[in-house]
Amino acid sequence: MWESRVLRQEDIIENKAKLTSRKKKWQREKDVTINEVSGISNNSILKIEVNNEKLQIENTKEPQFLDIFKYVNFDTSIKKGDLIMMINEKPAEFTSPIRNGDRLVIYWSQEGIKKLERLK
């Protein structure tokens, strides 16, 4: 009934490699299926950097700089100087579009307060 056979180490390694390959293929197929069902695609996530912190945010139809305030802890309730916003080292506005891989910087500059004090 049963065929008796001694397995060589090479056979074991080869079988393990095949199983690993099948498992990886199955996992990729499973991930695609889950993403299709949930409506998530690789294009629905934006990978950006804000103040040297890597973030993944929801990719809306037309993502703008102001969208990052949902994801970062930045107090805008009290003016603490001039608000400096930059995308890839260029000045930005609240409505400036953001794209995958962009590097955003936002901070309060004390220079604006110092200028006002000098003018008084």
PDB file of N, CA and C in Angstrom:
ATOM      1  N   MET A   1       0.795  -1.195   0.000  1.00  0.00           N
ATOM      2  CA  MET A   1       0.000   0.000   0.000  1.00  0.00           C
ATOM      3  C   MET A   1       0.841   1.263   0.000  1.00  0.00           C
ATOM      4  N   TRP A   2       1.535   1.458   1.077  1.00  0.00           N
ATOM      5  CA  TRP A   2       2.367   2.647   1.183  1.00  0.00           C
ATOM      6  C   TRP A   2       3.733   2.375   0.596  1.00  0.00           C
ATOM      7  N   GLU A   3       4.189   3.345  -0.140  1.00  0.00           N
ATOM      8  CA  GLU A   3       5.530   3.219  -0.709  1.00  0.00           C
ATOM      9  C   GLU A   3       6.506   3.845   0.275  1.00  0.00           C
ATOM     10  N   SER A   4       7.451   3.073   0.659  1.00  0.00           N
ATOM     11  CA  SER A   4       8.451   3.550   1.598  1.00  0.00           C
ATOM     12  C   SER A   4       9.598   4.176   0.829  1.00  0.00           C
ATOM     13  N   ARG A   5      10.006   5.359   1.269  1.00  0.00           N
ATOM     14  CA  ARG A   5      11.069   6.059   0.564  1.00  0.00           C
ATOM     15  C   ARG A   5      11.809   6.960   1.538  1.00  0.00           C
ATOM     16  N   VAL A   6      13.104   6.994   1.431  1.00  0.00           N
ATOM     17  CA  VAL A   6      13.915   7.867   2.266  1.00  0.00           C
ATOM     18  C   VAL A   6      14.062   9.195   1.543  1.00  0.00           C
ATOM     19  N   LEU A   7      13.702  10.273   2.242  1.00  0.00           N
ATOM     20  CA  LEU A   7      13.823  11.604   1.644  1.00  0.00           C
ATOM     21  C   LEU A   7      15.228  12.147   1.837  1.00  0.00           C
ATOM     22  N   ARG A   8      15.713  12.696   0.766  1.00  0.00           N
ATOM     23  CA  ARG A   8      17.012  13.350   0.847  1.00  0.00           C
ATOM     24  C   ARG A   8      16.800  14.797   1.301  1.00  0.00           C
ATOM     25  N   GLN A   9      17.830  15.397   1.831  1.00  0.00           N
ATOM     26  CA  GLN A   9      17.741  16.778   2.296  1.00  0.00           C
ATOM     27  C   GLN A   9      17.365  17.714   1.138  1.00  0.00           C
ATOM     28  N   GLU A  10      17.865  17.431  -0.048  1.00  0.00           N
ATOM     29  CA  GLU A  10      17.562  18.256  -1.224  1.00  0.00           C
ATOM     30  C   GLU A  10      16.068  18.225  -1.541  1.00  0.00           C
ATOM     31  N   ASP A  11      15.450  17.015  -1.386  1.00  0.00           N
ATOM     32  CA  ASP A  11      14.015  16.880  -1.625  1.00  0.00           C
ATOM     33  C   ASP A  11      13.213  17.730  -0.634  1.00  0.00           C
ATOM     34  N   ILE A  12      13.629  17.700   0.611  1.00  0.00           N
ATOM     35  CA  ILE A  12      12.937  18.462   1.656  1.00  0.00           C
ATOM     36  C   ILE A  12      13.035  19.952   1.362  1.00  0.00           C
ATOM     37  N   ILE A  13      14.225  20.423   1.015  1.00  0.00           N
ATOM     38  CA  ILE A  13      14.443  21.835   0.715  1.00  0.00           C
ATOM     39  C   ILE A  13      13.608  22.255  -0.500  1.00  0.00           C
ATOM     40  N   GLU A  14      13.596  21.418  -1.528  1.00  0.00           N
ATOM     41  CA  GLU A  14      12.828  21.721  -2.743  1.00  0.00           C
ATOM     42  C   GLU A  14      11.335  21.798  -2.433  1.00  0.00           C
ATOM     43  N   ASN A  15      10.829  20.833  -1.645  1.00  0.00           N
ATOM     44  CA  ASN A  15       9.409  20.841  -1.286  1.00  0.00           C
ATOM     45  C   ASN A  15       9.057  22.061  -0.435  1.00  0.00           C
ATOM     46  N   LYS A  16       9.938  22.425   0.469  1.00  0.00           N
ATOM     47  CA  LYS A  16       9.702  23.589   1.316  1.00  0.00           C
ATOM     48  C   LYS A  16       9.645  24.858   0.456  1.00  0.00           C
ATOM     49  N   ALA A  17      10.526  24.966  -0.514  1.00  0.00           N
ATOM     50  CA  ALA A  17      10.538  26.126  -1.414  1.00  0.00           C
ATOM     51  C   ALA A  17       9.238  26.209  -2.216  1.00  0.00           C
ATOM     52  N   LYS A  18       8.756  25.069  -2.690  1.00  0.00           N
ATOM     53  CA  LYS A  18       7.495  25.049  -3.443  1.00  0.00           C
ATOM     54  C   LYS A  18       6.330  25.490  -2.563  1.00  0.00           C
ATOM     55  N   LEU A  19       6.295  24.970  -1.323  1.00  0.00           N
ATOM     56  CA  LEU A  19       5.218  25.343  -0.407  1.00  0.00           C
ATOM     57  C   LEU A  19       5.264  26.829  -0.067  1.00  0.00           C
ATOM     58  N   THR A  20       6.448  27.355   0.156  1.00  0.00           N
ATOM     59  CA  THR A  20       6.606  28.776   0.455  1.00  0.00           C
ATOM     60  C   THR A  20       6.130  29.620  -0.714  1.00  0.00           C
ATOM     61  N   SER A  21       6.499  29.213  -1.913  1.00  0.00           N
ATOM     62  CA  SER A  21       6.076  29.939  -3.117  1.00  0.00           C
ATOM     63  C   SER A  21       4.552  29.930  -3.258  1.00  0.00           C
ATOM     64  N   ARG A  22       3.940  28.775  -3.035  1.00  0.00           N
ATOM     65  CA  ARG A  22       2.481  28.664  -3.117  1.00  0.00           C
ATOM     66  C   ARG A  22       1.811  29.530  -2.052  1.00  0.00           C
ATOM     67  N   LYS A  23       2.373  29.531  -0.838  1.00  0.00           N
ATOM     68  CA  LYS A  23       1.813  30.320   0.251  1.00  0.00           C
ATOM     69  C   LYS A  23       1.864  31.810  -0.087  1.00  0.00           C
ATOM     70  N   LYS A  24       2.992  32.274  -0.627  1.00  0.00           N
ATOM     71  CA  LYS A  24       3.123  33.685  -1.005  1.00  0.00           C
ATOM     72  C   LYS A  24       2.125  34.049  -2.102  1.00  0.00           C
ATOM     73  N   LYS A  25       1.976  33.164  -3.092  1.00  0.00           N
ATOM     74  CA  LYS A  25       1.030  33.410  -4.179  1.00  0.00           C
ATOM     75  C   LYS A  25      -0.395  33.472  -3.626  1.00  0.00           C
ATOM     76  N   TRP A  26      -0.737  32.542  -2.731  1.00  0.00           N
ATOM     77  CA  TRP A  26      -2.056  32.534  -2.129  1.00  0.00           C
ATOM     78  C   TRP A  26      -2.290  33.809  -1.327  1.00  0.00           C
ATOM     79  N   GLN A  27      -1.300  34.269  -0.576  1.00  0.00           N
ATOM     80  CA  GLN A  27      -1.435  35.481   0.237  1.00  0.00           C
ATOM     81  C   GLN A  27      -1.660  36.699  -0.648  1.00  0.00           C
ATOM     82  N   ARG A  28      -0.930  36.791  -1.783  1.00  0.00           N
ATOM     83  CA  ARG A  28      -1.122  37.917  -2.714  1.00  0.00           C
ATOM     84  C   ARG A  28      -2.529  37.898  -3.278  1.00  0.00           C
ATOM     85  N   GLU A  29      -3.009  36.699  -3.654  1.00  0.00           N
ATOM     86  CA  GLU A  29      -4.371  36.582  -4.192  1.00  0.00           C
ATOM     87  C   GLU A  29      -5.394  36.949  -3.127  1.00  0.00           C
ATOM     88  N   LYS A  30      -5.173  36.527  -1.900  1.00  0.00           N
ATOM     89  CA  LYS A  30      -6.074  36.833  -0.794  1.00  0.00           C
ATOM     90  C   LYS A  30      -6.107  38.336  -0.547  1.00  0.00           C
ATOM     91  N   ASP A  31      -4.939  38.997  -0.539  1.00  0.00           N
ATOM     92  CA  ASP A  31      -4.873  40.442  -0.324  1.00  0.00           C
ATOM     93  C   ASP A  31      -5.627  41.191  -1.410  1.00  0.00           C
ATOM     94  N   VAL A  32      -5.469  40.776  -2.660  1.00  0.00           N
ATOM     95  CA  VAL A  32      -6.177  41.425  -3.764  1.00  0.00           C
ATOM     96  C   VAL A  32      -7.674  41.262  -3.579  1.00  0.00           C
ATOM     97  N   THR A  33      -8.112  40.062  -3.226  1.00  0.00           N
ATOM     98  CA  THR A  33      -9.543  39.809  -3.036  1.00  0.00           C
ATOM     99  C   THR A  33     -10.092  40.651  -1.895  1.00  0.00           C
ATOM    100  N   ILE A  34      -9.403  40.694  -0.786  1.00  0.00           N
ATOM    101  CA  ILE A  34      -9.848  41.498   0.365  1.00  0.00           C
ATOM    102  C   ILE A  34      -9.938  42.960  -0.038  1.00  0.00           C
ATOM    103  N   ASN A  35      -8.937  43.457  -0.737  1.00  0.00           N
ATOM    104  CA  ASN A  35      -8.940  44.851  -1.155  1.00  0.00           C
ATOM    105  C   ASN A  35     -10.074  45.141  -2.129  1.00  0.00           C
ATOM    106  N   GLU A  36     -10.356  44.201  -3.021  1.00  0.00           N
ATOM    107  CA  GLU A  36     -11.452  44.412  -3.972  1.00  0.00           C
ATOM    108  C   GLU A  36     -12.790  44.473  -3.247  1.00  0.00           C
ATOM    109  N   VAL A  37     -12.991  43.586  -2.288  1.00  0.00           N
ATOM    110  CA  VAL A  37     -14.252  43.538  -1.552  1.00  0.00           C
ATOM    111  C   VAL A  37     -14.424  44.784  -0.696  1.00  0.00           C
ATOM    112  N   SER A  38     -13.357  45.229  -0.050  1.00  0.00           N
ATOM    113  CA  SER A  38     -13.465  46.382   0.838  1.00  0.00           C
ATOM    114  C   SER A  38     -13.377  47.706   0.093  1.00  0.00           C
ATOM    115  N   GLY A  39     -13.068  47.654  -1.192  1.00  0.00           N
ATOM    116  CA  GLY A  39     -12.970  48.887  -1.966  1.00  0.00           C
ATOM    117  C   GLY A  39     -11.642  49.597  -1.800  1.00  0.00           C
ATOM    118  N   ILE A  40     -10.683  48.924  -1.194  1.00  0.00           N
ATOM    119  CA  ILE A  40      -9.370  49.529  -0.984  1.00  0.00           C
ATOM    120  C   ILE A  40      -8.461  49.130  -2.124  1.00  0.00           C
ATOM    121  N   SER A  41      -7.750  50.095  -2.655  1.00  0.00           N
ATOM    122  CA  SER A  41      -6.739  49.785  -3.655  1.00  0.00           C
ATOM    123  C   SER A  41      -5.461  50.476  -3.246  1.00  0.00           C
ATOM    124  N   ASN A  42      -4.378  50.122  -3.881  1.00  0.00           N
ATOM    125  CA  ASN A  42      -3.105  50.763  -3.566  1.00  0.00           C
ATOM    126  C   ASN A  42      -3.168  52.256  -3.841  1.00  0.00           C
ATOM    127  N   ASN A  43      -4.082  52.679  -4.716  1.00  0.00           N
ATOM    128  CA  ASN A  43      -4.212  54.088  -5.041  1.00  0.00           C
ATOM    129  C   ASN A  43      -5.025  54.845  -4.004  1.00  0.00           C
ATOM    130  N   SER A  44      -5.631  54.164  -3.030  1.00  0.00           N
ATOM    131  CA  SER A  44      -6.452  54.852  -2.053  1.00  0.00           C
ATOM    132  C   SER A  44      -5.649  55.347  -0.855  1.00  0.00           C
ATOM    133  N   ILE A  45      -4.360  55.086  -0.850  1.00  0.00           N
ATOM    134  CA  ILE A  45      -3.491  55.526   0.234  1.00  0.00           C
ATOM    135  C   ILE A  45      -2.391  56.413  -0.335  1.00  0.00           C
ATOM    136  N   LEU A  46      -2.182  57.566   0.311  1.00  0.00           N
ATOM    137  CA  LEU A  46      -1.074  58.452  -0.052  1.00  0.00           C
ATOM    138  C   LEU A  46       0.019  58.279   0.990  1.00  0.00           C
ATOM    139  N   LYS A  47       1.216  58.050   0.526  1.00  0.00           N
ATOM    140  CA  LYS A  47       2.354  57.983   1.438  1.00  0.00           C
ATOM    141  C   LYS A  47       3.092  59.301   1.332  1.00  0.00           C
ATOM    142  N   ILE A  48       3.091  60.046   2.441  1.00  0.00           N
ATOM    143  CA  ILE A  48       3.730  61.359   2.466  1.00  0.00           C
ATOM    144  C   ILE A  48       4.587  61.472   3.715  1.00  0.00           C
ATOM    145  N   GLU A  49       5.287  62.584   3.821  1.00  0.00           N
ATOM    146  CA  GLU A  49       6.093  62.871   5.001  1.00  0.00           C
ATOM    147  C   GLU A  49       5.693  64.252   5.492  1.00  0.00           C
ATOM    148  N   VAL A  50       5.360  64.364   6.777  1.00  0.00           N
ATOM    149  CA  VAL A  50       4.987  65.646   7.368  1.00  0.00           C
ATOM    150  C   VAL A  50       5.924  65.911   8.538  1.00  0.00           C
ATOM    151  N   ASN A  51       6.685  67.004   8.432  1.00  0.00           N
ATOM    152  CA  ASN A  51       7.662  67.362   9.466  1.00  0.00           C
ATOM    153  C   ASN A  51       8.547  66.163   9.826  1.00  0.00           C
ATOM    154  N   ASN A  52       9.075  65.511   8.806  1.00  0.00           N
ATOM    155  CA  ASN A  52       9.982  64.364   8.933  1.00  0.00           C
ATOM    156  C   ASN A  52       9.336  63.111   9.518  1.00  0.00           C
ATOM    157  N   GLU A  53       8.014  63.065   9.563  1.00  0.00           N
ATOM    158  CA  GLU A  53       7.299  61.879  10.042  1.00  0.00           C
ATOM    159  C   GLU A  53       6.541  61.258   8.871  1.00  0.00           C
ATOM    160  N   LYS A  54       6.779  59.974   8.626  1.00  0.00           N
ATOM    161  CA  LYS A  54       6.114  59.288   7.526  1.00  0.00           C
ATOM    162  C   LYS A  54       4.655  59.021   7.893  1.00  0.00           C
ATOM    163  N   LEU A  55       3.767  59.336   6.953  1.00  0.00           N
ATOM    164  CA  LEU A  55       2.339  59.141   7.164  1.00  0.00           C
ATOM    165  C   LEU A  55       1.712  58.457   5.965  1.00  0.00           C
ATOM    166  N   GLN A  56       0.660  57.717   6.224  1.00  0.00           N
ATOM    167  CA  GLN A  56      -0.176  57.172   5.166  1.00  0.00           C
ATOM    168  C   GLN A  56      -1.567  57.734   5.410  1.00  0.00           C
ATOM    169  N   ILE A  57      -2.059  58.475   4.417  1.00  0.00           N
ATOM    170  CA  ILE A  57      -3.355  59.101   4.571  1.00  0.00           C
ATOM    171  C   ILE A  57      -4.281  58.660   3.446  1.00  0.00           C
ATOM    172  N   GLU A  58      -5.568  58.856   3.668  1.00  0.00           N
ATOM    173  CA  GLU A  58      -6.562  58.495   2.661  1.00  0.00           C
ATOM    174  C   GLU A  58      -6.391  59.384   1.442  1.00  0.00           C
ATOM    175  N   ASN A  59      -6.382  58.770   0.274  1.00  0.00           N
ATOM    176  CA  ASN A  59      -6.252  59.505  -0.976  1.00  0.00           C
ATOM    177  C   ASN A  59      -7.644  59.884  -1.456  1.00  0.00           C
ATOM    178  N   THR A  60      -7.993  61.150  -1.284  1.00  0.00           N
ATOM    179  CA  THR A  60      -9.290  61.632  -1.755  1.00  0.00           C
ATOM    180  C   THR A  60      -9.173  61.964  -3.235  1.00  0.00           C
ATOM    181  N   LYS A  61     -10.264  62.411  -3.818  1.00  0.00           N
ATOM    182  CA  LYS A  61     -10.260  62.710  -5.251  1.00  0.00           C
ATOM    183  C   LYS A  61      -9.202  63.753  -5.597  1.00  0.00           C
ATOM    184  N   GLU A  62      -9.146  64.828  -4.811  1.00  0.00           N
ATOM    185  CA  GLU A  62      -8.154  65.881  -5.019  1.00  0.00           C
ATOM    186  C   GLU A  62      -7.556  66.256  -3.661  1.00  0.00           C
ATOM    187  N   PRO A  63      -6.594  65.463  -3.151  1.00  0.00           N
ATOM    188  CA  PRO A  63      -6.041  65.738  -1.822  1.00  0.00           C
ATOM    189  C   PRO A  63      -5.324  67.089  -1.777  1.00  0.00           C
ATOM    190  N   GLN A  64      -5.560  67.813  -0.675  1.00  0.00           N
ATOM    191  CA  GLN A  64      -4.966  69.127  -0.499  1.00  0.00           C
ATOM    192  C   GLN A  64      -4.218  69.185   0.822  1.00  0.00           C
ATOM    193  N   PHE A  65      -3.381  70.208   0.953  1.00  0.00           N
ATOM    194  CA  PHE A  65      -2.571  70.375   2.155  1.00  0.00           C
ATOM    195  C   PHE A  65      -3.441  70.337   3.407  1.00  0.00           C
ATOM    196  N   LEU A  66      -4.591  70.977   3.370  1.00  0.00           N
ATOM    197  CA  LEU A  66      -5.435  71.050   4.558  1.00  0.00           C
ATOM    198  C   LEU A  66      -5.904  69.681   5.035  1.00  0.00           C
ATOM    199  N   ASP A  67      -5.870  68.671   4.176  1.00  0.00           N
ATOM    200  CA  ASP A  67      -6.286  67.317   4.564  1.00  0.00           C
ATOM    201  C   ASP A  67      -5.384  66.709   5.636  1.00  0.00           C
ATOM    202  N   ILE A  68      -4.152  67.173   5.743  1.00  0.00           N
ATOM    203  CA  ILE A  68      -3.225  66.553   6.706  1.00  0.00           C
ATOM    204  C   ILE A  68      -3.602  66.841   8.145  1.00  0.00           C
ATOM    205  N   PHE A  69      -4.400  67.895   8.384  1.00  0.00           N
ATOM    206  CA  PHE A  69      -4.742  68.244   9.757  1.00  0.00           C
ATOM    207  C   PHE A  69      -5.597  67.175  10.432  1.00  0.00           C
ATOM    208  N   LYS A  70      -6.174  66.262   9.657  1.00  0.00           N
ATOM    209  CA  LYS A  70      -6.912  65.129  10.233  1.00  0.00           C
ATOM    210  C   LYS A  70      -5.949  64.097  10.823  1.00  0.00           C
ATOM    211  N   TYR A  71      -4.689  64.152  10.394  1.00  0.00           N
ATOM    212  CA  TYR A  71      -3.735  63.094  10.733  1.00  0.00           C
ATOM    213  C   TYR A  71      -2.583  63.549  11.631  1.00  0.00           C
ATOM    214  N   VAL A  72      -2.374  64.857  11.757  1.00  0.00           N
ATOM    215  CA  VAL A  72      -1.252  65.341  12.558  1.00  0.00           C
ATOM    216  C   VAL A  72      -1.770  66.163  13.734  1.00  0.00           C
ATOM    217  N   ASN A  73      -0.986  66.192  14.779  1.00  0.00           N
ATOM    218  CA  ASN A  73      -1.320  66.977  15.959  1.00  0.00           C
ATOM    219  C   ASN A  73      -0.662  68.354  15.812  1.00  0.00           C
ATOM    220  N   PHE A  74      -1.432  69.313  15.287  1.00  0.00           N
ATOM    221  CA  PHE A  74      -0.908  70.657  15.068  1.00  0.00           C
ATOM    222  C   PHE A  74      -1.995  71.642  15.462  1.00  0.00           C
ATOM    223  N   ASP A  75      -1.732  72.424  16.505  1.00  0.00           N
ATOM    224  CA  ASP A  75      -2.734  73.348  17.048  1.00  0.00           C
ATOM    225  C   ASP A  75      -2.834  74.602  16.177  1.00  0.00           C
ATOM    226  N   THR A  76      -4.003  74.788  15.579  1.00  0.00           N
ATOM    227  CA  THR A  76      -4.244  75.984  14.769  1.00  0.00           C
ATOM    228  C   THR A  76      -5.268  76.898  15.439  1.00  0.00           C
ATOM    229  N   SER A  77      -5.677  76.563  16.670  1.00  0.00           N
ATOM    230  CA  SER A  77      -6.714  77.346  17.346  1.00  0.00           C
ATOM    231  C   SER A  77      -6.194  78.711  17.815  1.00  0.00           C
ATOM    232  N   ILE A  78      -4.919  78.803  18.121  1.00  0.00           N
ATOM    233  CA  ILE A  78      -4.317  80.055  18.577  1.00  0.00           C
ATOM    234  C   ILE A  78      -3.124  80.378  17.670  1.00  0.00           C
ATOM    235  N   LYS A  79      -3.138  81.599  17.130  1.00  0.00           N
ATOM    236  CA  LYS A  79      -2.037  82.010  16.260  1.00  0.00           C
ATOM    237  C   LYS A  79      -0.778  82.196  17.103  1.00  0.00           C
ATOM    238  N   LYS A  80       0.289  81.544  16.671  1.00  0.00           N
ATOM    239  CA  LYS A  80       1.547  81.579  17.415  1.00  0.00           C
ATOM    240  C   LYS A  80       2.669  82.144  16.554  1.00  0.00           C
ATOM    241  N   GLY A  81       2.313  82.914  15.558  1.00  0.00           N
ATOM    242  CA  GLY A  81       3.291  83.473  14.624  1.00  0.00           C
ATOM    243  C   GLY A  81       2.753  83.307  13.222  1.00  0.00           C
ATOM    244  N   ASP A  82       3.618  83.405  12.255  1.00  0.00           N
ATOM    245  CA  ASP A  82       3.221  83.175  10.866  1.00  0.00           C
ATOM    246  C   ASP A  82       3.191  81.675  10.608  1.00  0.00           C
ATOM    247  N   LEU A  83       2.133  81.227   9.978  1.00  0.00           N
ATOM    248  CA  LEU A  83       2.022  79.810   9.644  1.00  0.00           C
ATOM    249  C   LEU A  83       2.819  79.552   8.372  1.00  0.00           C
ATOM    250  N   ILE A  84       3.813  78.697   8.471  1.00  0.00           N
ATOM    251  CA  ILE A  84       4.658  78.350   7.325  1.00  0.00           C
ATOM    252  C   ILE A  84       4.252  76.964   6.848  1.00  0.00           C
ATOM    253  N   MET A  85       3.900  76.873   5.574  1.00  0.00           N
ATOM    254  CA  MET A  85       3.527  75.600   4.967  1.00  0.00           C
ATOM    255  C   MET A  85       4.347  75.425   3.699  1.00  0.00           C
ATOM    256  N   MET A  86       4.945  74.259   3.562  1.00  0.00           N
ATOM    257  CA  MET A  86       5.767  73.977   2.394  1.00  0.00           C
ATOM    258  C   MET A  86       5.510  72.556   1.902  1.00  0.00           C
ATOM    259  N   ILE A  87       5.607  72.391   0.582  1.00  0.00           N
ATOM    260  CA  ILE A  87       5.549  71.075  -0.036  1.00  0.00           C
ATOM    261  C   ILE A  87       6.810  70.932  -0.875  1.00  0.00           C
ATOM    262  N   ASN A  88       7.598  69.927  -0.559  1.00  0.00           N
ATOM    263  CA  ASN A  88       8.861  69.680  -1.275  1.00  0.00           C
ATOM    264  C   ASN A  88       9.708  70.949  -1.345  1.00  0.00           C
ATOM    265  N   GLU A  89       9.813  71.629  -0.194  1.00  0.00           N
ATOM    266  CA  GLU A  89      10.643  72.819  -0.011  1.00  0.00           C
ATOM    267  C   GLU A  89      10.169  74.036  -0.792  1.00  0.00           C
ATOM    268  N   LYS A  90       8.893  74.032  -1.225  1.00  0.00           N
ATOM    269  CA  LYS A  90       8.312  75.184  -1.921  1.00  0.00           C
ATOM    270  C   LYS A  90       7.108  75.669  -1.117  1.00  0.00           C
ATOM    271  N   PRO A  91       6.885  76.999  -1.080  1.00  0.00           N
ATOM    272  CA  PRO A  91       5.740  77.536  -0.328  1.00  0.00           C
ATOM    273  C   PRO A  91       4.427  76.898  -0.780  1.00  0.00           C
ATOM    274  N   ALA A  92       3.544  76.670   0.191  1.00  0.00           N
ATOM    275  CA  ALA A  92       2.255  76.031  -0.098  1.00  0.00           C
ATOM    276  C   ALA A  92       1.137  76.814   0.577  1.00  0.00           C
ATOM    277  N   GLU A  93      -0.077  76.524   0.138  1.00  0.00           N
ATOM    278  CA  GLU A  93      -1.278  77.096   0.732  1.00  0.00           C
ATOM    279  C   GLU A  93      -2.167  75.951   1.195  1.00  0.00           C
ATOM    280  N   PHE A  94      -3.239  76.279   1.910  1.00  0.00           N
ATOM    281  CA  PHE A  94      -4.150  75.240   2.380  1.00  0.00           C
ATOM    282  C   PHE A  94      -4.706  74.407   1.235  1.00  0.00           C
ATOM    283  N   THR A  95      -4.918  75.040   0.084  1.00  0.00           N
ATOM    284  CA  THR A  95      -5.527  74.340  -1.049  1.00  0.00           C
ATOM    285  C   THR A  95      -4.503  73.769  -2.027  1.00  0.00           C
ATOM    286  N   SER A  96      -3.225  73.818  -1.680  1.00  0.00           N
ATOM    287  CA  SER A  96      -2.200  73.244  -2.554  1.00  0.00           C
ATOM    288  C   SER A  96      -2.392  71.735  -2.639  1.00  0.00           C
ATOM    289  N   PRO A  97      -2.342  71.178  -3.853  1.00  0.00           N
ATOM    290  CA  PRO A  97      -2.517  69.727  -3.995  1.00  0.00           C
ATOM    291  C   PRO A  97      -1.323  68.964  -3.435  1.00  0.00           C
ATOM    292  N   ILE A  98      -1.600  67.800  -2.869  1.00  0.00           N
ATOM    293  CA  ILE A  98      -0.512  66.929  -2.410  1.00  0.00           C
ATOM    294  C   ILE A  98      -0.572  65.625  -3.186  1.00  0.00           C
ATOM    295  N   ARG A  99       0.608  65.045  -3.369  1.00  0.00           N
ATOM    296  CA  ARG A  99       0.729  63.812  -4.151  1.00  0.00           C
ATOM    297  C   ARG A  99       1.551  62.784  -3.374  1.00  0.00           C
ATOM    298  N   ASN A 100       1.458  61.576  -3.833  1.00  0.00           N
ATOM    299  CA  ASN A 100       2.213  60.491  -3.220  1.00  0.00           C
ATOM    300  C   ASN A 100       3.702  60.841  -3.202  1.00  0.00           C
ATOM    301  N   GLY A 101       4.350  60.676  -2.057  1.00  0.00           N
ATOM    302  CA  GLY A 101       5.776  60.913  -1.938  1.00  0.00           C
ATOM    303  C   GLY A 101       6.150  62.341  -1.574  1.00  0.00           C
ATOM    304  N   ASP A 102       5.172  63.248  -1.465  1.00  0.00           N
ATOM    305  CA  ASP A 102       5.469  64.644  -1.124  1.00  0.00           C
ATOM    306  C   ASP A 102       6.021  64.748   0.290  1.00  0.00           C
ATOM    307  N   ARG A 103       6.876  65.752   0.486  1.00  0.00           N
ATOM    308  CA  ARG A 103       7.423  66.077   1.810  1.00  0.00           C
ATOM    309  C   ARG A 103       6.819  67.418   2.231  1.00  0.00           C
ATOM    310  N   LEU A 104       5.983  67.384   3.272  1.00  0.00           N
ATOM    311  CA  LEU A 104       5.311  68.578   3.752  1.00  0.00           C
ATOM    312  C   LEU A 104       5.952  69.065   5.039  1.00  0.00           C
ATOM    313  N   VAL A 105       5.975  70.384   5.181  1.00  0.00           N
ATOM    314  CA  VAL A 105       6.489  70.999   6.401  1.00  0.00           C
ATOM    315  C   VAL A 105       5.457  72.027   6.842  1.00  0.00           C
ATOM    316  N   ILE A 106       5.160  72.021   8.131  1.00  0.00           N
ATOM    317  CA  ILE A 106       4.254  73.027   8.691  1.00  0.00           C
ATOM    318  C   ILE A 106       4.759  73.412  10.075  1.00  0.00           C
ATOM    319  N   TYR A 107       4.849  74.724  10.322  1.00  0.00           N
ATOM    320  CA  TYR A 107       5.284  75.202  11.635  1.00  0.00           C
ATOM    321  C   TYR A 107       4.904  76.668  11.792  1.00  0.00           C
ATOM    322  N   TRP A 108       4.967  77.127  13.032  1.00  0.00           N
ATOM    323  CA  TRP A 108       4.748  78.535  13.331  1.00  0.00           C
ATOM    324  C   TRP A 108       6.094  79.244  13.311  1.00  0.00           C
ATOM    325  N   SER A 109       6.185  80.329  12.565  1.00  0.00           N
ATOM    326  CA  SER A 109       7.403  81.134  12.526  1.00  0.00           C
ATOM    327  C   SER A 109       7.239  82.306  13.494  1.00  0.00           C
ATOM    328  N   GLN A 110       8.217  82.513  14.326  1.00  0.00           N
ATOM    329  CA  GLN A 110       8.174  83.615  15.281  1.00  0.00           C
ATOM    330  C   GLN A 110       8.575  84.941  14.633  1.00  0.00           C
ATOM    331  N   GLU A 111       9.095  84.912  13.431  1.00  0.00           N
ATOM    332  CA  GLU A 111       9.514  86.131  12.739  1.00  0.00           C
ATOM    333  C   GLU A 111       8.360  87.103  12.565  1.00  0.00           C
ATOM    334  N   GLY A 112       7.170  86.610  12.239  1.00  0.00           N
ATOM    335  CA  GLY A 112       6.009  87.475  12.054  1.00  0.00           C
ATOM    336  C   GLY A 112       5.674  88.249  13.306  1.00  0.00           C
ATOM    337  N   ILE A 113       5.747  87.613  14.462  1.00  0.00           N
ATOM    338  CA  ILE A 113       5.464  88.280  15.740  1.00  0.00           C
ATOM    339  C   ILE A 113       6.531  89.318  16.014  1.00  0.00           C
ATOM    340  N   LYS A 114       7.780  88.988  15.760  1.00  0.00           N
ATOM    341  CA  LYS A 114       8.875  89.943  15.994  1.00  0.00           C
ATOM    342  C   LYS A 114       8.732  91.167  15.100  1.00  0.00           C
ATOM    343  N   LYS A 115       8.314  90.985  13.842  1.00  0.00           N
ATOM    344  CA  LYS A 115       8.122  92.119  12.944  1.00  0.00           C
ATOM    345  C   LYS A 115       7.013  93.030  13.464  1.00  0.00           C
ATOM    346  N   LEU A 116       5.898  92.431  13.920  1.00  0.00           N
ATOM    347  CA  LEU A 116       4.790  93.230  14.451  1.00  0.00           C
ATOM    348  C   LEU A 116       5.224  94.030  15.656  1.00  0.00           C
ATOM    349  N   GLU A 117       6.002  93.421  16.539  1.00  0.00           N
ATOM    350  CA  GLU A 117       6.470  94.114  17.742  1.00  0.00           C
ATOM    351  C   GLU A 117       7.365  95.296  17.395  1.00  0.00           C
ATOM    352  N   ARG A 118       8.192  95.141  16.342  1.00  0.00           N
ATOM    353  CA  ARG A 118       9.093  96.232  15.929  1.00  0.00           C
ATOM    354  C   ARG A 118       8.299  97.390  15.335  1.00  0.00           C
ATOM    355  N   LEU A 119       7.165  97.092  14.686  1.00  0.00           N
ATOM    356  CA  LEU A 119       6.372  98.132  14.047  1.00  0.00           C
ATOM    357  C   LEU A 119       5.550  98.935  15.049  1.00  0.00           C
ATOM    358  N   LYS A 120       5.321  98.405  16.235  1.00  0.00           N
ATOM    359  CA  LYS A 120       4.494  99.109  17.258  1.00  0.00           C
ATOM    360  C   LYS A 120       5.217 100.275  17.851  1.00  0.00           C
TER     361      LYS A 120
END
